[in-house]
Protein backbone atom coordinates (compact mmCIF):
# COMPACT_ATOMS: atom_id res chain seq x y z
CA UNK A 1 125.52 137.45 65.66
CA UNK A 2 127.60 135.81 68.32
CA UNK A 3 124.71 133.56 69.44
CA UNK A 4 123.62 132.73 65.90
CA UNK A 5 126.77 130.71 65.36
CA UNK A 6 126.04 128.72 68.53
CA UNK A 7 122.34 128.11 67.85
CA UNK A 8 122.69 126.88 64.27
CA UNK A 9 124.65 123.69 65.17
CA UNK A 10 122.10 122.85 67.90
CA UNK A 11 119.19 123.23 65.46
CA UNK A 12 120.96 121.08 62.86
CA UNK A 13 121.72 118.41 65.47
CA UNK A 14 118.06 118.33 66.59
CA UNK A 15 116.83 117.97 63.01
CA UNK A 16 119.28 115.16 62.26
CA UNK A 17 118.24 113.40 65.50
CA UNK A 18 114.54 113.59 64.62
CA UNK A 19 115.11 112.26 61.11
CA UNK A 20 117.56 109.58 62.28
CA UNK A 21 115.41 108.27 65.10
CA UNK A 22 112.15 108.18 63.17
CA UNK A 23 108.67 108.89 64.42
CA UNK A 24 108.14 105.55 66.15
CA UNK A 25 111.13 105.99 68.41
CA UNK A 26 110.13 109.54 69.24
CA UNK A 27 106.63 108.35 70.13
CA UNK A 28 108.05 105.59 72.36
CA UNK A 29 110.44 108.06 74.01
CA UNK A 30 107.45 110.26 74.82
CA UNK A 31 105.58 107.29 76.29
CA UNK A 32 108.65 106.38 78.36
CA UNK A 33 108.91 109.93 79.65
CA UNK A 34 105.21 109.87 80.59
CA UNK A 35 105.65 106.47 82.30
CA UNK A 36 103.34 104.48 80.00
CA UNK A 37 105.79 102.80 77.64
CA UNK A 38 105.03 99.25 76.53
CA UNK A 39 108.45 98.66 74.94
CA UNK A 40 109.72 96.54 77.85
CA UNK A 41 106.68 94.28 77.45
CA UNK A 42 107.29 93.87 73.74
CA UNK A 43 110.99 93.19 74.40
CA UNK A 44 110.08 90.42 76.88
CA UNK A 45 107.40 88.89 74.65
CA UNK A 46 109.79 86.17 73.47
CA UNK A 47 109.72 84.77 77.03
CA UNK A 48 105.95 85.17 77.45
CA UNK A 49 103.71 82.50 78.92
CA UNK A 50 101.33 81.36 76.15
CA UNK A 51 98.07 79.50 75.87
CA UNK A 52 95.41 79.22 73.15
CA UNK A 53 91.69 79.37 73.85
CA UNK A 54 88.70 78.42 71.69
CA UNK A 55 87.34 81.97 71.95
CA UNK A 56 87.15 84.78 69.44
CA UNK A 57 89.35 87.83 70.03
CA UNK A 58 86.56 90.16 71.22
CA UNK A 59 85.26 87.75 73.87
CA UNK A 60 88.78 86.86 75.00
CA UNK A 61 89.81 90.52 75.23
CA UNK A 62 86.74 91.58 77.24
CA UNK A 63 87.06 88.60 79.61
CA UNK A 64 90.75 89.39 80.26
CA UNK A 65 89.82 92.98 81.13
CA UNK A 66 87.15 91.66 83.48
CA UNK A 67 89.65 89.31 85.16
CA UNK A 68 92.19 92.12 85.58
CA UNK A 69 89.59 94.37 87.20
CA UNK A 70 88.34 91.87 89.81
CA UNK A 71 88.00 93.67 93.14
CA UNK A 72 90.00 91.16 95.21
CA UNK A 73 92.99 91.18 92.81
CA UNK A 74 92.55 94.47 90.99
CA UNK A 75 95.23 95.43 88.50
CA UNK A 76 95.61 98.83 86.89
CA UNK A 77 95.30 98.86 83.09
CA UNK A 78 97.53 101.71 81.94
CA UNK A 79 97.53 101.15 78.19
CA UNK A 80 95.37 99.45 75.57
CA UNK A 81 96.38 99.25 71.94
CA UNK A 82 93.83 97.84 69.50
CA UNK A 83 96.32 97.77 66.62
CA UNK A 84 98.89 95.82 68.62
CA UNK A 85 96.14 93.79 70.36
CA UNK A 86 97.72 94.56 73.71
CA UNK A 87 96.57 95.28 77.23
CA UNK A 88 99.29 96.68 79.48
CA UNK A 89 98.64 96.55 83.20
CA UNK A 90 100.46 97.12 86.42
CA UNK A 91 100.58 94.06 88.67
CA UNK A 92 98.35 95.78 91.25
CA UNK A 93 97.28 99.23 92.32
CA UNK A 94 100.29 99.35 94.66
CA UNK A 95 102.86 97.43 92.58
CA UNK A 96 103.72 99.11 89.28
CA UNK A 97 105.49 96.12 87.76
CA UNK A 98 104.34 96.14 84.12
CA UNK A 99 102.63 93.10 82.63
CA UNK A 100 101.54 92.87 79.00
CA UNK A 101 98.83 90.67 77.57
CA UNK A 102 99.06 90.13 73.80
CA UNK A 103 96.32 88.54 71.68
CA UNK A 104 96.66 86.74 68.35
CA UNK A 105 93.51 85.38 66.69
CA UNK A 106 93.75 82.48 64.27
CA UNK A 107 91.09 80.10 63.02
CA UNK A 108 88.51 80.68 65.76
CA UNK A 109 91.10 80.50 68.53
CA UNK A 110 92.95 83.25 70.33
CA UNK A 111 96.53 82.88 71.54
CA UNK A 112 97.09 84.82 74.76
CA UNK A 113 100.68 85.76 75.66
CA UNK A 114 101.57 87.21 79.07
CA UNK A 115 104.83 89.14 79.17
CA UNK A 116 106.68 90.98 81.94
CA UNK A 117 110.24 91.69 83.05
CA UNK A 118 109.20 90.11 86.40
CA UNK A 119 108.83 86.34 86.43
CA UNK A 120 106.57 86.46 89.50
CA UNK A 121 104.23 89.10 88.03
CA UNK A 122 104.07 87.25 84.70
CA UNK A 123 103.28 83.92 86.37
CA UNK A 124 100.66 85.37 88.72
CA UNK A 125 98.80 87.33 86.04
CA UNK A 126 99.03 84.38 83.61
CA UNK A 127 97.58 82.06 86.24
CA UNK A 128 94.64 84.41 86.84
CA UNK A 129 93.95 84.93 83.13
CA UNK A 130 94.48 81.35 81.96
CA UNK A 131 92.31 79.83 84.69
CA UNK A 132 89.57 82.42 84.07
CA UNK A 133 89.58 81.82 80.32
CA UNK A 134 89.77 78.03 80.71
CA UNK A 135 86.54 78.13 82.68
CA UNK A 136 84.82 79.69 79.65
CA UNK A 137 85.99 77.11 77.12
CA UNK A 138 85.36 74.02 79.25
CA UNK A 139 83.53 74.89 82.48
CA UNK A 140 84.09 72.47 85.34
CA UNK A 141 87.13 70.75 83.87
CA UNK A 142 90.03 70.70 86.30
CA UNK A 143 92.37 69.73 83.45
CA UNK A 144 92.13 73.25 82.08
CA UNK A 145 93.39 74.86 85.28
CA UNK A 146 96.99 75.97 84.92
CA UNK A 147 99.87 76.30 87.32
CA UNK A 148 101.88 79.07 85.68
CA UNK A 149 105.09 77.93 87.39
CA UNK A 150 104.96 74.76 85.31
CA UNK A 151 104.71 76.82 82.11
CA UNK A 152 107.73 79.13 82.55
CA UNK A 153 109.64 77.40 79.77
CA UNK A 154 107.14 78.55 77.11
């Protein structure tokens, strides 16, 4: 009986916490605990580097994965979310700075947004992705090559 009075308030507190936080927050807390949360990428999306490409979503998505997996500059994709149209990657196999690539398709074009809490990681990954995708939409045109440092204000 003595312990019953101590356990009941803990159980009530846990139930109130679960209901108050909601399922989405609990899911994100679990991802954070496992080390695969994408919340920081979504939070930094407002400062993402952005560029549109005359490619459909599927082709753009597969090409970005190909670019991220190049042997000389291999990144580690740790999360993919088809609903959110997101690829989350670590900067490299040795550097676990998170970088998120978001896709938004509209009218035959796909907007690619590169987000990260690290300006360097964001600029480097954006430069790789944007130059690789630009080569698909207008091969041989040097105008389509991007210097990500010039685009940090986007």
